[in-house]
C-alpha cells in the first residue's frame, strides 16, 4: 500500500491561520512559540497559553493562572497531554489553530470540571496514572 506524503505546514502558514482564528495569539520568532489567551466558558478564568512549536509535536503550557501540579493529563515538563500521539490525530500537516487550540480549550474545560469533583470527564487514552513522560 502506498503511503500518502503529507506536506508540512510552515511557520508562516501556521501563523496566518492562527491570526485568522485566534488573533490574541502572537508569534515570537525567538523561541518559536505563540502566546495568547483562551477562555473555555464565559464563567472560566482567562488562561494565558504558550504553544512551543516544533515540527513534530507542539507543546502547550498554561502560564496563568497556574494549573494544579496534580492535574491529570500533563507531561513531566508541565505541558498538556491533549491527544494520544500514537493515534496520529496530530501531525505537522495540520493547522495548530484547527487542532491544538480547540483541544487546549477542551482540556481546560475538563480541567475545571476536575477541580470541582476530581473526576476527569473528558476523553482519554489508556496510560499509566503517573505523570507522563514528555
C-alpha atoms as a PDB file:
ATOM      1  CA  UNK A   1       0.000   0.000   0.000  1.00  0.00           C
ATOM      2  CA  UNK A   2       1.342   3.422  -0.966  1.00  0.00           C
ATOM      3  CA  UNK A   3       1.886   5.888   1.828  1.00  0.00           C
ATOM      4  CA  UNK A   4       0.412   9.338   1.242  1.00  0.00           C
ATOM      5  CA  UNK A   5       3.011  12.028   1.755  1.00  0.00           C
ATOM      6  CA  UNK A   6       1.649  14.998   3.681  1.00  0.00           C
ATOM      7  CA  UNK A   7       3.015  18.466   3.199  1.00  0.00           C
ATOM      8  CA  UNK A   8       4.473  20.043   6.337  1.00  0.00           C
ATOM      9  CA  UNK A   9       2.946  23.403   7.138  1.00  0.00           C
ATOM     10  CA  UNK A  10       5.485  26.192   7.511  1.00  0.00           C
ATOM     11  CA  UNK A  11       5.500  28.569  10.466  1.00  0.00           C
ATOM     12  CA  UNK A  12       4.273  31.485   8.291  1.00  0.00           C
ATOM     13  CA  UNK A  13       1.283  29.395   7.124  1.00  0.00           C
ATOM     14  CA  UNK A  14       0.590  28.312  10.695  1.00  0.00           C
ATOM     15  CA  UNK A  15       0.791  31.936  11.814  1.00  0.00           C
ATOM     16  CA  UNK A  16      -1.610  33.214   9.140  1.00  0.00           C
ATOM     17  CA  UNK A  17      -4.234  30.676  10.196  1.00  0.00           C
ATOM     18  CA  UNK A  18      -3.598  31.448  13.876  1.00  0.00           C
ATOM     19  CA  UNK A  19      -4.130  35.183  13.311  1.00  0.00           C
ATOM     20  CA  UNK A  20      -7.332  34.486  11.371  1.00  0.00           C
ATOM     21  CA  UNK A  21      -8.873  32.260  14.026  1.00  0.00           C
ATOM     22  CA  UNK A  22      -7.203  33.413  17.269  1.00  0.00           C
ATOM     23  CA  UNK A  23      -5.920  36.981  16.920  1.00  0.00           C
ATOM     24  CA  UNK A  24      -4.936  37.125  20.597  1.00  0.00           C
ATOM     25  CA  UNK A  25      -2.179  34.587  19.859  1.00  0.00           C
ATOM     26  CA  UNK A  26       1.061  36.311  18.882  1.00  0.00           C
ATOM     27  CA  UNK A  27       4.050  34.507  17.448  1.00  0.00           C
ATOM     28  CA  UNK A  28       7.556  35.063  18.805  1.00  0.00           C
ATOM     29  CA  UNK A  29      10.261  34.023  16.373  1.00  0.00           C
ATOM     30  CA  UNK A  30      12.965  33.882  19.026  1.00  0.00           C
ATOM     31  CA  UNK A  31      11.889  30.790  20.921  1.00  0.00           C
ATOM     32  CA  UNK A  32       9.451  29.653  18.246  1.00  0.00           C
ATOM     33  CA  UNK A  33       6.185  29.948  20.176  1.00  0.00           C
ATOM     34  CA  UNK A  34       2.745  31.527  20.253  1.00  0.00           C
ATOM     35  CA  UNK A  35       1.317  33.131  23.353  1.00  0.00           C
ATOM     36  CA  UNK A  36      -2.325  34.066  23.744  1.00  0.00           C
ATOM     37  CA  UNK A  37      -5.476  33.745  25.794  1.00  0.00           C
ATOM     38  CA  UNK A  38      -8.269  31.197  25.978  1.00  0.00           C
ATOM     39  CA  UNK A  39     -11.472  31.190  27.968  1.00  0.00           C
ATOM     40  CA  UNK A  40     -13.298  27.860  27.586  1.00  0.00           C
ATOM     41  CA  UNK A  41     -16.600  29.162  29.022  1.00  0.00           C
ATOM     42  CA  UNK A  42     -17.910  32.593  29.977  1.00  0.00           C
ATOM     43  CA  UNK A  43     -17.537  31.656  33.657  1.00  0.00           C
ATOM     44  CA  UNK A  44     -13.940  30.407  33.192  1.00  0.00           C
ATOM     45  CA  UNK A  45     -10.899  32.451  34.034  1.00  0.00           C
ATOM     46  CA  UNK A  46      -8.909  33.745  31.085  1.00  0.00           C
ATOM     47  CA  UNK A  47      -5.919  31.462  30.663  1.00  0.00           C
ATOM     48  CA  UNK A  48      -2.598  32.616  29.269  1.00  0.00           C
ATOM     49  CA  UNK A  49      -1.342  29.854  26.983  1.00  0.00           C
ATOM     50  CA  UNK A  50       2.043  29.253  25.387  1.00  0.00           C
ATOM     51  CA  UNK A  51       2.418  26.900  22.430  1.00  0.00           C
ATOM     52  CA  UNK A  52       6.017  25.934  21.784  1.00  0.00           C
ATOM     53  CA  UNK A  53       6.273  24.776  18.201  1.00  0.00           C
ATOM     54  CA  UNK A  54       8.469  22.067  16.857  1.00  0.00           C
ATOM     55  CA  UNK A  55       7.824  20.187  13.641  1.00  0.00           C
ATOM     56  CA  UNK A  56       6.686  17.013  15.315  1.00  0.00           C
ATOM     57  CA  UNK A  57       4.580  17.895  18.331  1.00  0.00           C
ATOM     58  CA  UNK A  58       3.588  21.306  19.656  1.00  0.00           C
ATOM     59  CA  UNK A  59       3.911  21.615  23.441  1.00  0.00           C
ATOM     60  CA  UNK A  60       1.225  23.557  25.272  1.00  0.00           C
ATOM     61  CA  UNK A  61       1.800  25.226  28.636  1.00  0.00           C
ATOM     62  CA  UNK A  62      -0.672  27.133  30.801  1.00  0.00           C
ATOM     63  CA  UNK A  63       1.198  30.162  32.140  1.00  0.00           C
ATOM     64  CA  UNK A  64      -1.524  31.883  34.107  1.00  0.00           C
ATOM     65  CA  UNK A  65      -3.441  31.093  36.217  1.00  0.00           C
ATOM     66  CA  UNK A  66      -1.148  28.305  37.227  1.00  0.00           C
ATOM     67  CA  UNK A  67      -2.721  24.856  36.985  1.00  0.00           C
ATOM     68  CA  UNK A  68      -2.549  22.313  39.793  1.00  0.00           C
ATOM     69  CA  UNK A  69       0.616  20.228  39.945  1.00  0.00           C
ATOM     70  CA  UNK A  70      -1.701  17.219  40.440  1.00  0.00           C
ATOM     71  CA  UNK A  71      -3.691  17.892  37.264  1.00  0.00           C
ATOM     72  CA  UNK A  72      -4.190  14.784  35.152  1.00  0.00           C
ATOM     73  CA  UNK A  73      -3.105  14.563  31.535  1.00  0.00           C
ATOM     74  CA  UNK A  74       0.095  16.565  31.881  1.00  0.00           C
ATOM     75  CA  UNK A  75       3.615  15.594  30.944  1.00  0.00           C
ATOM     76  CA  UNK A  76       6.505  15.787  33.402  1.00  0.00           C
ATOM     77  CA  UNK A  77       7.610  19.144  31.971  1.00  0.00           C
ATOM     78  CA  UNK A  78       4.183  20.665  32.722  1.00  0.00           C
ATOM     79  CA  UNK A  79       2.929  20.599  29.129  1.00  0.00           C
ATOM     80  CA  UNK A  80      -0.593  19.356  28.469  1.00  0.00           C
ATOM     81  CA  UNK A  81      -1.393  15.914  27.108  1.00  0.00           C
ATOM     82  CA  UNK A  82      -4.005  16.837  24.509  1.00  0.00           C
ATOM     83  CA  UNK A  83      -4.104  13.687  22.399  1.00  0.00           C
ATOM     84  CA  UNK A  84      -2.639  10.220  22.175  1.00  0.00           C
ATOM     85  CA  UNK A  85       0.489  10.630  19.998  1.00  0.00           C
ATOM     86  CA  UNK A  86       0.362   7.069  18.661  1.00  0.00           C
ATOM     87  CA  UNK A  87      -3.051   7.544  17.056  1.00  0.00           C
ATOM     88  CA  UNK A  88      -1.692  10.227  14.673  1.00  0.00           C
ATOM     89  CA  UNK A  89      -4.510  12.651  15.455  1.00  0.00           C
ATOM     90  CA  UNK A  90      -1.975  15.470  15.092  1.00  0.00           C
ATOM     91  CA  UNK A  91       0.776  15.746  12.524  1.00  0.00           C
ATOM     92  CA  UNK A  92       2.706  18.666  11.036  1.00  0.00           C
ATOM     93  CA  UNK A  93       0.418  18.878   8.013  1.00  0.00           C
ATOM     94  CA  UNK A  94      -2.409  20.108  10.264  1.00  0.00           C
ATOM     95  CA  UNK A  95      -3.007  23.642  11.445  1.00  0.00           C
ATOM     96  CA  UNK A  96      -2.396  24.261  15.129  1.00  0.00           C
ATOM     97  CA  UNK A  97      -5.315  26.702  15.099  1.00  0.00           C
ATOM     98  CA  UNK A  98      -7.643  23.918  13.892  1.00  0.00           C
ATOM     99  CA  UNK A  99      -6.408  21.209  16.251  1.00  0.00           C
ATOM    100  CA  UNK A 100      -4.174  22.156  19.179  1.00  0.00           C
ATOM    101  CA  UNK A 101      -6.045  25.343  20.169  1.00  0.00           C
ATOM    102  CA  UNK A 102      -9.518  23.722  20.288  1.00  0.00           C
ATOM    103  CA  UNK A 103      -8.048  20.716  22.100  1.00  0.00           C
ATOM    104  CA  UNK A 104      -6.416  23.056  24.635  1.00  0.00           C
ATOM    105  CA  UNK A 105      -9.710  24.823  25.253  1.00  0.00           C
ATOM    106  CA  UNK A 106     -11.416  21.457  25.710  1.00  0.00           C
ATOM    107  CA  UNK A 107      -8.640  20.327  28.073  1.00  0.00           C
ATOM    108  CA  UNK A 108      -9.143  23.488  30.153  1.00  0.00           C
ATOM    109  CA  UNK A 109     -12.893  22.870  30.317  1.00  0.00           C
ATOM    110  CA  UNK A 110     -12.373  19.341  31.631  1.00  0.00           C
ATOM    111  CA  UNK A 111      -9.644  20.570  33.971  1.00  0.00           C
ATOM    112  CA  UNK A 112     -12.119  22.982  35.558  1.00  0.00           C
ATOM    113  CA  UNK A 113     -14.604  20.113  35.991  1.00  0.00           C
ATOM    114  CA  UNK A 114     -11.810  18.002  37.503  1.00  0.00           C
ATOM    115  CA  UNK A 115     -11.113  20.785  40.020  1.00  0.00           C
ATOM    116  CA  UNK A 116     -14.792  20.667  41.043  1.00  0.00           C
ATOM    117  CA  UNK A 117     -15.242  16.922  41.540  1.00  0.00           C
ATOM    118  CA  UNK A 118     -11.823  15.264  40.994  1.00  0.00           C
ATOM    119  CA  UNK A 119     -13.093  13.232  38.043  1.00  0.00           C
ATOM    120  CA  UNK A 120     -11.693  13.672  34.529  1.00  0.00           C
ATOM    121  CA  UNK A 121     -14.827  13.693  32.371  1.00  0.00           C
ATOM    122  CA  UNK A 122     -13.016  14.233  29.102  1.00  0.00           C
ATOM    123  CA  UNK A 123     -11.843  11.642  26.609  1.00  0.00           C
ATOM    124  CA  UNK A 124      -8.651   9.831  27.466  1.00  0.00           C
ATOM    125  CA  UNK A 125      -6.379   7.163  26.107  1.00  0.00           C
ATOM    126  CA  UNK A 126      -5.065   4.367  28.320  1.00  0.00           C
ATOM    127  CA  UNK A 127      -1.762   5.169  30.010  1.00  0.00           C
ATOM    128  CA  UNK A 128      -0.018   4.957  33.322  1.00  0.00           C
ATOM    129  CA  UNK A 129      -1.568   7.091  36.097  1.00  0.00           C
ATOM    130  CA  UNK A 130       1.884   8.578  36.834  1.00  0.00           C
ATOM    131  CA  UNK A 131       2.950  11.833  35.232  1.00  0.00           C
ATOM    132  CA  UNK A 132       3.517  11.245  31.542  1.00  0.00           C
ATOM    133  CA  UNK A 133       6.966  11.444  30.018  1.00  0.00           C
ATOM    134  CA  UNK A 134       7.399  14.355  27.625  1.00  0.00           C
END
